[in-house]
Amino acid sequence: MANYDAAVDVVKTRMWLAYLGGCSIAFERNTARLFQTVSTHKRRGPSGLLPTRADLYVPKSVEPGVCGPDG
């Protein structure tokens, strides 16, 4: 079993180094794609997060149902 564990560690290390090498090349060529996932604990109802990234850039005075600074 010890030999198996050592062999798995070697394979994992080699795979990790190959992954990091690929990331390095992608960043140098400006072809890297990064994706982020946000997760929350399971609760009933909406999470409170904005539905889309575009909603982050909507000025507060433009939101429906909200009056602007002039009332």
PDB file of N, CA and C in Angstrom:
ATOM      1  N   MET A   1       0.818  -1.193   0.000  1.00  0.00           N
ATOM      2  CA  MET A   1       0.000   0.000   0.000  1.00  0.00           C
ATOM      3  C   MET A   1       0.867   1.264   0.000  1.00  0.00           C
ATOM      4  N   ALA A   2       1.995   1.217   0.662  1.00  0.00           N
ATOM      5  CA  ALA A   2       2.883   2.383   0.716  1.00  0.00           C
ATOM      6  C   ALA A   2       3.403   2.719  -0.675  1.00  0.00           C
ATOM      7  N   ASN A   3       3.716   1.691  -1.473  1.00  0.00           N
ATOM      8  CA  ASN A   3       4.187   1.934  -2.842  1.00  0.00           C
ATOM      9  C   ASN A   3       3.100   2.596  -3.681  1.00  0.00           C
ATOM     10  N   TYR A   4       1.853   2.155  -3.497  1.00  0.00           N
ATOM     11  CA  TYR A   4       0.726   2.734  -4.231  1.00  0.00           C
ATOM     12  C   TYR A   4       0.577   4.217  -3.883  1.00  0.00           C
ATOM     13  N   ASP A   5       0.610   4.529  -2.587  1.00  0.00           N
ATOM     14  CA  ASP A   5       0.473   5.918  -2.146  1.00  0.00           C
ATOM     15  C   ASP A   5       1.584   6.792  -2.713  1.00  0.00           C
ATOM     16  N   ALA A   6       2.809   6.267  -2.720  1.00  0.00           N
ATOM     17  CA  ALA A   6       3.939   7.022  -3.261  1.00  0.00           C
ATOM     18  C   ALA A   6       3.753   7.260  -4.754  1.00  0.00           C
ATOM     19  N   ALA A   7       3.273   6.240  -5.474  1.00  0.00           N
ATOM     20  CA  ALA A   7       3.057   6.367  -6.919  1.00  0.00           C
ATOM     21  C   ALA A   7       1.956   7.380  -7.213  1.00  0.00           C
ATOM     22  N   VAL A   8       0.896   7.363  -6.432  1.00  0.00           N
ATOM     23  CA  VAL A   8      -0.197   8.320  -6.618  1.00  0.00           C
ATOM     24  C   VAL A   8       0.303   9.735  -6.362  1.00  0.00           C
ATOM     25  N   ASP A   9       1.122   9.909  -5.327  1.00  0.00           N
ATOM     26  CA  ASP A   9       1.675  11.236  -5.037  1.00  0.00           C
ATOM     27  C   ASP A   9       2.525  11.738  -6.195  1.00  0.00           C
ATOM     28  N   VAL A  10       3.306  10.864  -6.806  1.00  0.00           N
ATOM     29  CA  VAL A  10       4.139  11.259  -7.944  1.00  0.00           C
ATOM     30  C   VAL A  10       3.256  11.683  -9.113  1.00  0.00           C
ATOM     31  N   VAL A  11       2.210  10.924  -9.385  1.00  0.00           N
ATOM     32  CA  VAL A  11       1.303  11.244 -10.493  1.00  0.00           C
ATOM     33  C   VAL A  11       0.591  12.565 -10.226  1.00  0.00           C
ATOM     34  N   LYS A  12       0.097  12.762  -9.017  1.00  0.00           N
ATOM     35  CA  LYS A  12      -0.587  14.019  -8.674  1.00  0.00           C
ATOM     36  C   LYS A  12       0.359  15.207  -8.815  1.00  0.00           C
ATOM     37  N   THR A  13       1.596  15.037  -8.369  1.00  0.00           N
ATOM     38  CA  THR A  13       2.569  16.123  -8.468  1.00  0.00           C
ATOM     39  C   THR A  13       2.849  16.460  -9.921  1.00  0.00           C
ATOM     40  N   ARG A  14       3.026  15.446 -10.750  1.00  0.00           N
ATOM     41  CA  ARG A  14       3.284  15.685 -12.174  1.00  0.00           C
ATOM     42  C   ARG A  14       2.095  16.356 -12.846  1.00  0.00           C
ATOM     43  N   MET A  15       0.885  15.923 -12.504  1.00  0.00           N
ATOM     44  CA  MET A  15      -0.309  16.539 -13.091  1.00  0.00           C
ATOM     45  C   MET A  15      -0.425  17.997 -12.655  1.00  0.00           C
ATOM     46  N   TRP A  16      -0.134  18.275 -11.384  1.00  0.00           N
ATOM     47  CA  TRP A  16      -0.212  19.635 -10.873  1.00  0.00           C
ATOM     48  C   TRP A  16       0.811  20.523 -11.570  1.00  0.00           C
ATOM     49  N   LEU A  17       2.027  20.031 -11.769  1.00  0.00           N
ATOM     50  CA  LEU A  17       3.057  20.807 -12.455  1.00  0.00           C
ATOM     51  C   LEU A  17       2.680  21.057 -13.916  1.00  0.00           C
ATOM     52  N   ALA A  18       2.074  20.069 -14.564  1.00  0.00           N
ATOM     53  CA  ALA A  18       1.627  20.254 -15.945  1.00  0.00           C
ATOM     54  C   ALA A  18       0.515  21.307 -16.006  1.00  0.00           C
ATOM     55  N   TYR A  19      -0.397  21.263 -15.045  1.00  0.00           N
ATOM     56  CA  TYR A  19      -1.476  22.248 -14.974  1.00  0.00           C
ATOM     57  C   TYR A  19      -0.909  23.659 -14.790  1.00  0.00           C
ATOM     58  N   LEU A  20       0.036  23.819 -13.854  1.00  0.00           N
ATOM     59  CA  LEU A  20       0.631  25.129 -13.615  1.00  0.00           C
ATOM     60  C   LEU A  20       1.403  25.616 -14.837  1.00  0.00           C
ATOM     61  N   GLY A  21       2.080  24.714 -15.523  1.00  0.00           N
ATOM     62  CA  GLY A  21       2.786  25.087 -16.748  1.00  0.00           C
ATOM     63  C   GLY A  21       1.820  25.576 -17.813  1.00  0.00           C
ATOM     64  N   GLY A  22       0.698  24.880 -17.961  1.00  0.00           N
ATOM     65  CA  GLY A  22      -0.323  25.298 -18.923  1.00  0.00           C
ATOM     66  C   GLY A  22      -0.910  26.649 -18.574  1.00  0.00           C
ATOM     67  N   CYS A  23      -1.145  26.890 -17.279  1.00  0.00           N
ATOM     68  CA  CYS A  23      -1.660  28.193 -16.845  1.00  0.00           C
ATOM     69  C   CYS A  23      -0.659  29.294 -17.156  1.00  0.00           C
ATOM     70  N   SER A  24       0.612  29.019 -16.917  1.00  0.00           N
ATOM     71  CA  SER A  24       1.647  30.003 -17.184  1.00  0.00           C
ATOM     72  C   SER A  24       1.682  30.382 -18.662  1.00  0.00           C
ATOM     73  N   ILE A  25       1.605  29.387 -19.525  1.00  0.00           N
ATOM     74  CA  ILE A  25       1.612  29.644 -20.973  1.00  0.00           C
ATOM     75  C   ILE A  25       0.369  30.437 -21.381  1.00  0.00           C
ATOM     76  N   ALA A  26      -0.785  30.066 -20.839  1.00  0.00           N
ATOM     77  CA  ALA A  26      -2.024  30.770 -21.181  1.00  0.00           C
ATOM     78  C   ALA A  26      -1.958  32.237 -20.760  1.00  0.00           C
ATOM     79  N   PHE A  27      -1.409  32.530 -19.590  1.00  0.00           N
ATOM     80  CA  PHE A  27      -1.289  33.911 -19.153  1.00  0.00           C
ATOM     81  C   PHE A  27      -0.306  34.682 -20.019  1.00  0.00           C
ATOM     82  N   GLU A  28       0.805  34.048 -20.402  1.00  0.00           N
ATOM     83  CA  GLU A  28       1.779  34.718 -21.268  1.00  0.00           C
ATOM     84  C   GLU A  28       1.170  35.069 -22.627  1.00  0.00           C
ATOM     85  N   ARG A  29       0.318  34.194 -23.140  1.00  0.00           N
ATOM     86  CA  ARG A  29      -0.306  34.409 -24.455  1.00  0.00           C
ATOM     87  C   ARG A  29      -1.593  35.217 -24.359  1.00  0.00           C
ATOM     88  N   ASN A  30      -1.991  35.578 -23.156  1.00  0.00           N
ATOM     89  CA  ASN A  30      -3.224  36.316 -22.902  1.00  0.00           C
ATOM     90  C   ASN A  30      -4.455  35.562 -23.410  1.00  0.00           C
ATOM     91  N   THR A  31      -4.451  34.257 -23.214  1.00  0.00           N
ATOM     92  CA  THR A  31      -5.585  33.427 -23.626  1.00  0.00           C
ATOM     93  C   THR A  31      -6.250  32.742 -22.433  1.00  0.00           C
ATOM     94  N   ALA A  32      -5.855  33.119 -21.228  1.00  0.00           N
ATOM     95  CA  ALA A  32      -6.414  32.479 -20.034  1.00  0.00           C
ATOM     96  C   ALA A  32      -7.872  32.886 -19.858  1.00  0.00           C
ATOM     97  N   ARG A  33      -8.691  31.944 -19.489  1.00  0.00           N
ATOM     98  CA  ARG A  33     -10.099  32.202 -19.184  1.00  0.00           C
ATOM     99  C   ARG A  33     -10.320  31.829 -17.724  1.00  0.00           C
ATOM    100  N   LEU A  34     -10.832  32.785 -16.947  1.00  0.00           N
ATOM    101  CA  LEU A  34     -11.082  32.542 -15.538  1.00  0.00           C
ATOM    102  C   LEU A  34     -12.575  32.604 -15.275  1.00  0.00           C
ATOM    103  N   PHE A  35     -13.066  31.643 -14.536  1.00  0.00           N
ATOM    104  CA  PHE A  35     -14.476  31.589 -14.168  1.00  0.00           C
ATOM    105  C   PHE A  35     -14.561  31.461 -12.655  1.00  0.00           C
ATOM    106  N   GLN A  36     -15.516  32.149 -12.070  1.00  0.00           N
ATOM    107  CA  GLN A  36     -15.688  32.115 -10.633  1.00  0.00           C
ATOM    108  C   GLN A  36     -17.099  31.651 -10.322  1.00  0.00           C
ATOM    109  N   THR A  37     -17.201  30.783  -9.349  1.00  0.00           N
ATOM    110  CA  THR A  37     -18.497  30.302  -8.906  1.00  0.00           C
ATOM    111  C   THR A  37     -18.682  30.684  -7.445  1.00  0.00           C
ATOM    112  N   VAL A  38     -19.823  31.236  -7.132  1.00  0.00           N
ATOM    113  CA  VAL A  38     -20.126  31.603  -5.755  1.00  0.00           C
ATOM    114  C   VAL A  38     -21.208  30.662  -5.264  1.00  0.00           C
ATOM    115  N   SER A  39     -20.971  30.075  -4.123  1.00  0.00           N
ATOM    116  CA  SER A  39     -21.978  29.180  -3.574  1.00  0.00           C
ATOM    117  C   SER A  39     -22.342  29.634  -2.162  1.00  0.00           C
ATOM    118  N   THR A  40     -23.552  29.289  -1.766  1.00  0.00           N
ATOM    119  CA  THR A  40     -24.022  29.648  -0.435  1.00  0.00           C
ATOM    120  C   THR A  40     -24.635  28.414   0.201  1.00  0.00           C
ATOM    121  N   HIS A  41     -24.864  28.501   1.499  1.00  0.00           N
ATOM    122  CA  HIS A  41     -25.560  27.410   2.168  1.00  0.00           C
ATOM    123  C   HIS A  41     -26.991  27.357   1.671  1.00  0.00           C
ATOM    124  N   LYS A  42     -27.537  26.171   1.612  1.00  0.00           N
ATOM    125  CA  LYS A  42     -28.893  26.008   1.095  1.00  0.00           C
ATOM    126  C   LYS A  42     -29.899  26.606   2.080  1.00  0.00           C
ATOM    127  N   ARG A  43     -30.632  27.570   1.592  1.00  0.00           N
ATOM    128  CA  ARG A  43     -31.706  28.208   2.370  1.00  0.00           C
ATOM    129  C   ARG A  43     -32.891  28.430   1.452  1.00  0.00           C
ATOM    130  N   ARG A  44     -34.023  28.587   2.027  1.00  0.00           N
ATOM    131  CA  ARG A  44     -35.209  28.876   1.222  1.00  0.00           C
ATOM    132  C   ARG A  44     -35.208  30.338   0.810  1.00  0.00           C
ATOM    133  N   GLY A  45     -35.693  30.602  -0.391  1.00  0.00           N
ATOM    134  CA  GLY A  45     -35.803  31.974  -0.862  1.00  0.00           C
ATOM    135  C   GLY A  45     -34.564  32.409  -1.627  1.00  0.00           C
ATOM    136  N   PRO A  46     -34.597  33.654  -2.092  1.00  0.00           N
ATOM    137  CA  PRO A  46     -33.483  34.173  -2.887  1.00  0.00           C
ATOM    138  C   PRO A  46     -32.215  34.322  -2.041  1.00  0.00           C
ATOM    139  N   SER A  47     -31.083  34.219  -2.693  1.00  0.00           N
ATOM    140  CA  SER A  47     -29.806  34.284  -1.982  1.00  0.00           C
ATOM    141  C   SER A  47     -29.404  35.703  -1.624  1.00  0.00           C
ATOM    142  N   GLY A  48     -29.982  36.695  -2.276  1.00  0.00           N
ATOM    143  CA  GLY A  48     -29.591  38.070  -2.032  1.00  0.00           C
ATOM    144  C   GLY A  48     -28.497  38.543  -2.971  1.00  0.00           C
ATOM    145  N   LEU A  49     -27.957  37.622  -3.786  1.00  0.00           N
ATOM    146  CA  LEU A  49     -26.942  38.004  -4.773  1.00  0.00           C
ATOM    147  C   LEU A  49     -27.623  38.610  -5.991  1.00  0.00           C
ATOM    148  N   LEU A  50     -26.927  39.515  -6.666  1.00  0.00           N
ATOM    149  CA  LEU A  50     -27.477  40.092  -7.891  1.00  0.00           C
ATOM    150  C   LEU A  50     -27.573  39.020  -8.963  1.00  0.00           C
ATOM    151  N   PRO A  51     -28.633  39.045  -9.790  1.00  0.00           N
ATOM    152  CA  PRO A  51     -28.832  37.977 -10.768  1.00  0.00           C
ATOM    153  C   PRO A  51     -27.782  37.929 -11.874  1.00  0.00           C
ATOM    154  N   THR A  52     -27.262  39.087 -12.296  1.00  0.00           N
ATOM    155  CA  THR A  52     -26.272  39.102 -13.369  1.00  0.00           C
ATOM    156  C   THR A  52     -25.172  40.090 -13.039  1.00  0.00           C
ATOM    157  N   ARG A  53     -24.064  39.963 -13.737  1.00  0.00           N
ATOM    158  CA  ARG A  53     -22.952  40.896 -13.545  1.00  0.00           C
ATOM    159  C   ARG A  53     -23.348  42.305 -13.987  1.00  0.00           C
ATOM    160  N   ALA A  54     -24.181  42.401 -15.012  1.00  0.00           N
ATOM    161  CA  ALA A  54     -24.617  43.711 -15.508  1.00  0.00           C
ATOM    162  C   ALA A  54     -25.325  44.503 -14.412  1.00  0.00           C
ATOM    163  N   ASP A  55     -25.999  43.817 -13.498  1.00  0.00           N
ATOM    164  CA  ASP A  55     -26.708  44.498 -12.417  1.00  0.00           C
ATOM    165  C   ASP A  55     -25.757  45.221 -11.468  1.00  0.00           C
ATOM    166  N   LEU A  56     -24.475  44.845 -11.458  1.00  0.00           N
ATOM    167  CA  LEU A  56     -23.498  45.527 -10.611  1.00  0.00           C
ATOM    168  C   LEU A  56     -23.249  46.953 -11.078  1.00  0.00           C
ATOM    169  N   TYR A  57     -23.457  47.192 -12.372  1.00  0.00           N
ATOM    170  CA  TYR A  57     -23.098  48.467 -12.963  1.00  0.00           C
ATOM    171  C   TYR A  57     -24.286  49.381 -13.226  1.00  0.00           C
ATOM    172  N   VAL A  58     -25.467  49.015 -12.769  1.00  0.00           N
ATOM    173  CA  VAL A  58     -26.651  49.851 -12.939  1.00  0.00           C
ATOM    174  C   VAL A  58     -26.643  50.908 -11.845  1.00  0.00           C
ATOM    175  N   PRO A  59     -26.676  52.197 -12.222  1.00  0.00           N
ATOM    176  CA  PRO A  59     -26.710  53.248 -11.190  1.00  0.00           C
ATOM    177  C   PRO A  59     -27.956  53.117 -10.330  1.00  0.00           C
ATOM    178  N   LYS A  60     -27.835  53.435  -9.073  1.00  0.00           N
ATOM    179  CA  LYS A  60     -28.953  53.303  -8.138  1.00  0.00           C
ATOM    180  C   LYS A  60     -30.162  54.112  -8.576  1.00  0.00           C
ATOM    181  N   SER A  61     -29.965  55.288  -9.187  1.00  0.00           N
ATOM    182  CA  SER A  61     -31.085  56.144  -9.567  1.00  0.00           C
ATOM    183  C   SER A  61     -31.849  55.595 -10.766  1.00  0.00           C
ATOM    184  N   VAL A  62     -31.324  54.572 -11.448  1.00  0.00           N
ATOM    185  CA  VAL A  62     -31.971  54.031 -12.631  1.00  0.00           C
ATOM    186  C   VAL A  62     -32.816  52.804 -12.289  1.00  0.00           C
ATOM    187  N   GLU A  63     -32.627  52.252 -11.121  1.00  0.00           N
ATOM    188  CA  GLU A  63     -33.362  51.047 -10.747  1.00  0.00           C
ATOM    189  C   GLU A  63     -34.853  51.328 -10.731  1.00  0.00           C
ATOM    190  N   PRO A  64     -35.656  50.404 -11.265  1.00  0.00           N
ATOM    191  CA  PRO A  64     -37.105  50.620 -11.290  1.00  0.00           C
ATOM    192  C   PRO A  64     -37.669  50.757  -9.881  1.00  0.00           C
ATOM    193  N   GLY A  65     -38.579  51.716  -9.723  1.00  0.00           N
ATOM    194  CA  GLY A  65     -39.235  51.900  -8.441  1.00  0.00           C
ATOM    195  C   GLY A  65     -38.446  52.749  -7.460  1.00  0.00           C
ATOM    196  N   VAL A  66     -37.281  53.235  -7.882  1.00  0.00           N
ATOM    197  CA  VAL A  66     -36.467  54.056  -6.983  1.00  0.00           C
ATOM    198  C   VAL A  66     -36.377  55.452  -7.570  1.00  0.00           C
ATOM    199  N   CYS A  67     -36.650  56.434  -6.770  1.00  0.00           N
ATOM    200  CA  CYS A  67     -36.573  57.833  -7.252  1.00  0.00           C
ATOM    201  C   CYS A  67     -35.126  58.269  -7.296  1.00  0.00           C
ATOM    202  N   GLY A  68     -34.830  59.112  -8.254  1.00  0.00           N
ATOM    203  CA  GLY A  68     -33.493  59.678  -8.378  1.00  0.00           C
ATOM    204  C   GLY A  68     -33.257  60.778  -7.357  1.00  0.00           C
ATOM    205  N   PRO A  69     -32.120  61.457  -7.451  1.00  0.00           N
ATOM    206  CA  PRO A  69     -31.792  62.501  -6.461  1.00  0.00           C
ATOM    207  C   PRO A  69     -32.739  63.687  -6.526  1.00  0.00           C
ATOM    208  N   ASP A  70     -33.452  63.865  -7.666  1.00  0.00           N
ATOM    209  CA  ASP A  70     -34.388  64.995  -7.801  1.00  0.00           C
ATOM    210  C   ASP A  70     -35.793  64.636  -7.330  1.00  0.00           C
ATOM    211  N   GLY A  71     -35.982  63.387  -6.902  1.00  0.00           N
ATOM    212  CA  GLY A  71     -37.283  62.991  -6.368  1.00  0.00           C
ATOM    213  C   GLY A  71     -38.109  62.391  -7.420  1.00  0.00           C
TER     214      GLY A  71
END
